[in-house]
N, C-alpha and C. Protein backbone atom coordinates (compact mmCIF):
# COMPACT_ATOMS: atom_id res chain seq x y z
N MET A 1 -2.01 33.19 10.91
CA MET A 1 -1.93 31.86 10.35
C MET A 1 -3.24 31.12 10.61
N ALA A 2 -3.71 30.38 9.63
CA ALA A 2 -4.97 29.64 9.76
C ALA A 2 -4.79 28.47 10.71
N SER A 3 -5.89 28.10 11.34
CA SER A 3 -5.84 26.96 12.25
C SER A 3 -5.74 25.66 11.45
N GLN A 4 -5.36 24.60 12.14
CA GLN A 4 -5.23 23.30 11.49
C GLN A 4 -6.59 22.85 10.93
N GLU A 5 -7.67 23.13 11.66
CA GLU A 5 -9.00 22.76 11.19
C GLU A 5 -9.33 23.47 9.87
N ASP A 6 -8.99 24.76 9.76
CA ASP A 6 -9.22 25.50 8.52
C ASP A 6 -8.38 24.93 7.37
N PHE A 7 -7.14 24.57 7.67
CA PHE A 7 -6.24 24.03 6.65
C PHE A 7 -6.80 22.75 6.05
N PHE A 8 -7.28 21.83 6.88
CA PHE A 8 -7.77 20.55 6.39
C PHE A 8 -9.22 20.62 5.90
N ALA A 9 -9.92 21.71 6.15
CA ALA A 9 -11.28 21.84 5.65
C ALA A 9 -11.30 21.99 4.13
N THR A 10 -10.26 22.56 3.57
CA THR A 10 -10.15 22.73 2.13
C THR A 10 -9.47 21.49 1.54
N PRO A 11 -10.11 20.82 0.57
CA PRO A 11 -9.50 19.61 0.00
C PRO A 11 -8.13 19.90 -0.62
N GLY A 12 -7.22 18.95 -0.45
CA GLY A 12 -5.90 19.05 -1.04
C GLY A 12 -5.92 18.60 -2.49
N PRO A 13 -4.78 18.60 -3.15
CA PRO A 13 -4.72 18.32 -4.58
C PRO A 13 -4.72 16.83 -4.94
N LEU A 14 -4.61 15.94 -3.96
CA LEU A 14 -4.48 14.52 -4.26
C LEU A 14 -5.82 13.80 -4.18
N SER A 15 -6.24 13.22 -5.27
CA SER A 15 -7.49 12.47 -5.27
C SER A 15 -7.33 11.10 -5.93
N THR A 16 -6.19 10.85 -6.54
CA THR A 16 -5.94 9.57 -7.19
C THR A 16 -4.60 9.01 -6.74
N PHE A 17 -4.43 7.72 -6.94
CA PHE A 17 -3.17 7.07 -6.62
C PHE A 17 -2.68 6.34 -7.84
N PRO A 18 -1.47 6.52 -8.25
CA PRO A 18 -0.50 7.45 -7.67
C PRO A 18 -0.86 8.90 -8.00
N ALA A 19 -0.21 9.82 -7.34
CA ALA A 19 -0.47 11.23 -7.59
C ALA A 19 -0.14 11.57 -9.05
N PRO A 20 -0.79 12.58 -9.60
CA PRO A 20 -0.55 12.93 -11.00
C PRO A 20 0.94 13.13 -11.29
N GLY A 21 1.40 12.54 -12.39
CA GLY A 21 2.78 12.67 -12.81
C GLY A 21 3.70 11.57 -12.29
N LEU A 22 3.20 10.73 -11.38
CA LEU A 22 4.01 9.64 -10.85
C LEU A 22 3.63 8.31 -11.50
N ARG A 23 4.60 7.40 -11.60
CA ARG A 23 4.34 6.09 -12.17
C ARG A 23 3.43 5.28 -11.26
N ASP A 24 2.69 4.36 -11.85
CA ASP A 24 1.88 3.43 -11.09
C ASP A 24 2.82 2.51 -10.30
N ILE A 25 2.43 2.17 -9.09
CA ILE A 25 3.24 1.30 -8.25
C ILE A 25 2.67 -0.11 -8.32
N GLN A 26 3.55 -1.08 -8.49
CA GLN A 26 3.14 -2.48 -8.49
C GLN A 26 3.95 -3.23 -7.45
N ARG A 27 3.26 -4.07 -6.69
CA ARG A 27 3.94 -4.90 -5.70
C ARG A 27 4.38 -6.19 -6.36
N HIS A 28 5.59 -6.60 -6.09
CA HIS A 28 6.12 -7.88 -6.55
C HIS A 28 6.31 -8.74 -5.30
N ILE A 29 5.40 -9.69 -5.11
CA ILE A 29 5.42 -10.52 -3.91
C ILE A 29 6.00 -11.88 -4.26
N THR A 30 6.97 -12.31 -3.47
CA THR A 30 7.58 -13.62 -3.71
C THR A 30 6.98 -14.66 -2.78
N THR A 31 6.96 -15.89 -3.25
CA THR A 31 6.53 -17.04 -2.47
C THR A 31 7.28 -18.25 -3.01
N HIS A 32 6.77 -19.41 -2.84
CA HIS A 32 7.40 -20.61 -3.39
C HIS A 32 6.33 -21.54 -3.96
N ASN A 33 6.74 -22.35 -4.94
CA ASN A 33 5.80 -23.30 -5.54
C ASN A 33 5.89 -24.65 -4.83
N GLU A 34 5.16 -25.63 -5.33
CA GLU A 34 5.11 -26.94 -4.71
C GLU A 34 6.49 -27.60 -4.63
N ALA A 35 7.37 -27.29 -5.58
CA ALA A 35 8.71 -27.87 -5.61
C ALA A 35 9.68 -27.12 -4.69
N GLY A 36 9.21 -26.07 -4.06
CA GLY A 36 10.06 -25.30 -3.16
C GLY A 36 10.85 -24.19 -3.84
N ALA A 37 10.66 -24.02 -5.14
CA ALA A 37 11.37 -22.97 -5.88
C ALA A 37 10.71 -21.61 -5.65
N GLY A 38 11.52 -20.57 -5.58
CA GLY A 38 10.99 -19.23 -5.43
C GLY A 38 10.26 -18.76 -6.68
N VAL A 39 9.08 -18.18 -6.50
CA VAL A 39 8.28 -17.67 -7.61
C VAL A 39 7.65 -16.34 -7.19
N PHE A 40 7.19 -15.58 -8.17
CA PHE A 40 6.45 -14.35 -7.92
C PHE A 40 4.95 -14.62 -8.02
N LEU A 41 4.18 -14.00 -7.15
CA LEU A 41 2.73 -14.01 -7.29
C LEU A 41 2.36 -13.03 -8.39
N PRO A 42 1.12 -13.07 -8.90
CA PRO A 42 0.72 -12.07 -9.91
C PRO A 42 0.93 -10.64 -9.39
N LEU A 43 1.27 -9.73 -10.29
CA LEU A 43 1.48 -8.33 -9.90
C LEU A 43 0.24 -7.78 -9.22
N ASP A 44 0.47 -6.88 -8.30
CA ASP A 44 -0.63 -6.30 -7.53
C ASP A 44 -0.40 -4.80 -7.41
N ASN A 45 -1.34 -4.02 -7.86
CA ASN A 45 -1.28 -2.57 -7.62
C ASN A 45 -2.61 -2.09 -7.06
N GLY A 46 -3.23 -2.95 -6.29
CA GLY A 46 -4.59 -2.72 -5.84
C GLY A 46 -4.77 -2.02 -4.53
N ASP A 47 -5.36 -2.71 -3.59
CA ASP A 47 -5.97 -2.12 -2.41
C ASP A 47 -4.99 -1.91 -1.26
N HIS A 48 -3.89 -1.24 -1.48
CA HIS A 48 -2.91 -1.03 -0.42
C HIS A 48 -2.57 0.44 -0.22
N HIS A 49 -3.44 1.32 -0.64
CA HIS A 49 -3.19 2.75 -0.47
C HIS A 49 -4.48 3.43 -0.04
N SER A 50 -4.37 4.60 0.56
CA SER A 50 -5.56 5.35 0.94
C SER A 50 -5.25 6.84 0.96
N ASN A 51 -6.26 7.61 0.65
CA ASN A 51 -6.17 9.05 0.67
C ASN A 51 -6.25 9.51 2.13
N MET A 52 -5.40 10.46 2.51
CA MET A 52 -5.37 10.94 3.89
C MET A 52 -5.43 12.46 3.93
N ALA A 53 -5.78 12.96 5.09
CA ALA A 53 -5.73 14.40 5.38
C ALA A 53 -6.46 15.21 4.33
N ASN A 54 -7.64 14.72 3.93
CA ASN A 54 -8.50 15.43 2.98
C ASN A 54 -7.77 15.77 1.68
N GLY A 55 -7.03 14.78 1.16
CA GLY A 55 -6.36 14.97 -0.13
C GLY A 55 -5.01 15.64 -0.06
N ARG A 56 -4.44 15.72 1.11
CA ARG A 56 -3.12 16.35 1.25
C ARG A 56 -1.99 15.32 1.36
N ALA A 57 -2.36 14.05 1.47
CA ALA A 57 -1.35 12.98 1.56
C ALA A 57 -1.99 11.67 1.12
N ILE A 58 -1.15 10.72 0.74
CA ILE A 58 -1.62 9.38 0.41
C ILE A 58 -0.69 8.39 1.10
N SER A 59 -1.28 7.43 1.80
CA SER A 59 -0.45 6.40 2.42
C SER A 59 -0.38 5.21 1.47
N ASN A 60 0.72 4.50 1.51
CA ASN A 60 0.93 3.35 0.64
C ASN A 60 1.61 2.26 1.46
N ILE A 61 0.83 1.26 1.84
CA ILE A 61 1.36 0.17 2.65
C ILE A 61 1.72 -0.98 1.72
N ILE A 62 3.00 -1.21 1.55
CA ILE A 62 3.48 -2.22 0.62
C ILE A 62 3.42 -3.62 1.23
N TYR A 63 3.69 -3.75 2.51
CA TYR A 63 3.68 -5.07 3.15
C TYR A 63 3.06 -4.94 4.53
N ASN A 64 2.19 -5.88 4.87
CA ASN A 64 1.53 -5.87 6.15
C ASN A 64 1.36 -7.30 6.62
N GLN A 65 1.57 -7.55 7.88
CA GLN A 65 1.37 -8.87 8.47
C GLN A 65 0.30 -8.75 9.53
N SER A 66 -0.53 -9.76 9.68
CA SER A 66 -1.69 -9.65 10.58
C SER A 66 -1.37 -9.90 12.04
N GLY A 67 -0.20 -10.38 12.39
CA GLY A 67 0.04 -10.66 13.80
C GLY A 67 1.50 -10.65 14.17
N LEU A 68 1.74 -10.78 15.46
CA LEU A 68 3.10 -10.86 15.99
C LEU A 68 3.21 -12.14 16.79
N PRO A 69 4.29 -12.84 16.69
CA PRO A 69 5.41 -12.59 15.80
C PRO A 69 5.02 -12.85 14.37
N VAL A 70 5.74 -12.26 13.45
CA VAL A 70 5.48 -12.45 12.02
C VAL A 70 5.69 -13.92 11.65
N ASP A 71 4.73 -14.48 10.91
CA ASP A 71 4.81 -15.89 10.50
C ASP A 71 5.14 -15.94 9.02
N LEU A 72 6.37 -16.28 8.68
CA LEU A 72 6.79 -16.39 7.29
C LEU A 72 6.84 -17.84 6.81
N ASN A 73 6.28 -18.76 7.59
CA ASN A 73 6.25 -20.16 7.22
C ASN A 73 5.11 -20.44 6.24
N GLY A 74 5.38 -21.33 5.28
CA GLY A 74 4.35 -21.63 4.30
C GLY A 74 3.95 -20.38 3.56
N THR A 75 2.67 -20.14 3.45
CA THR A 75 2.17 -18.92 2.81
C THR A 75 1.32 -18.11 3.78
N ALA A 76 1.61 -18.21 5.08
CA ALA A 76 0.81 -17.51 6.08
C ALA A 76 0.77 -16.02 5.86
N ASP A 77 1.87 -15.42 5.44
CA ASP A 77 1.90 -13.96 5.23
C ASP A 77 1.16 -13.56 3.97
N VAL A 78 1.04 -14.45 3.00
CA VAL A 78 0.32 -14.12 1.76
C VAL A 78 -1.19 -14.23 1.97
N LYS A 79 -1.60 -15.17 2.78
CA LYS A 79 -3.04 -15.35 3.04
C LYS A 79 -3.59 -14.15 3.77
């Protein structure tokens, strides 16, 4: 059996996101407007994924918060 280093030395089949044959992923982020009503931000399918393990996997982080405890007040999590 080949070593792990040999396995990852050869590029895997994934070079684009989403992987070939899969639908594009779009994030639907909710917030609120000045009147306090719930609204959606513009669709986002941008900078939340990365190629991993030399093309053998892709990570997709849909939601991330910059600190603990999570601050969901106002638009702190959107900023």
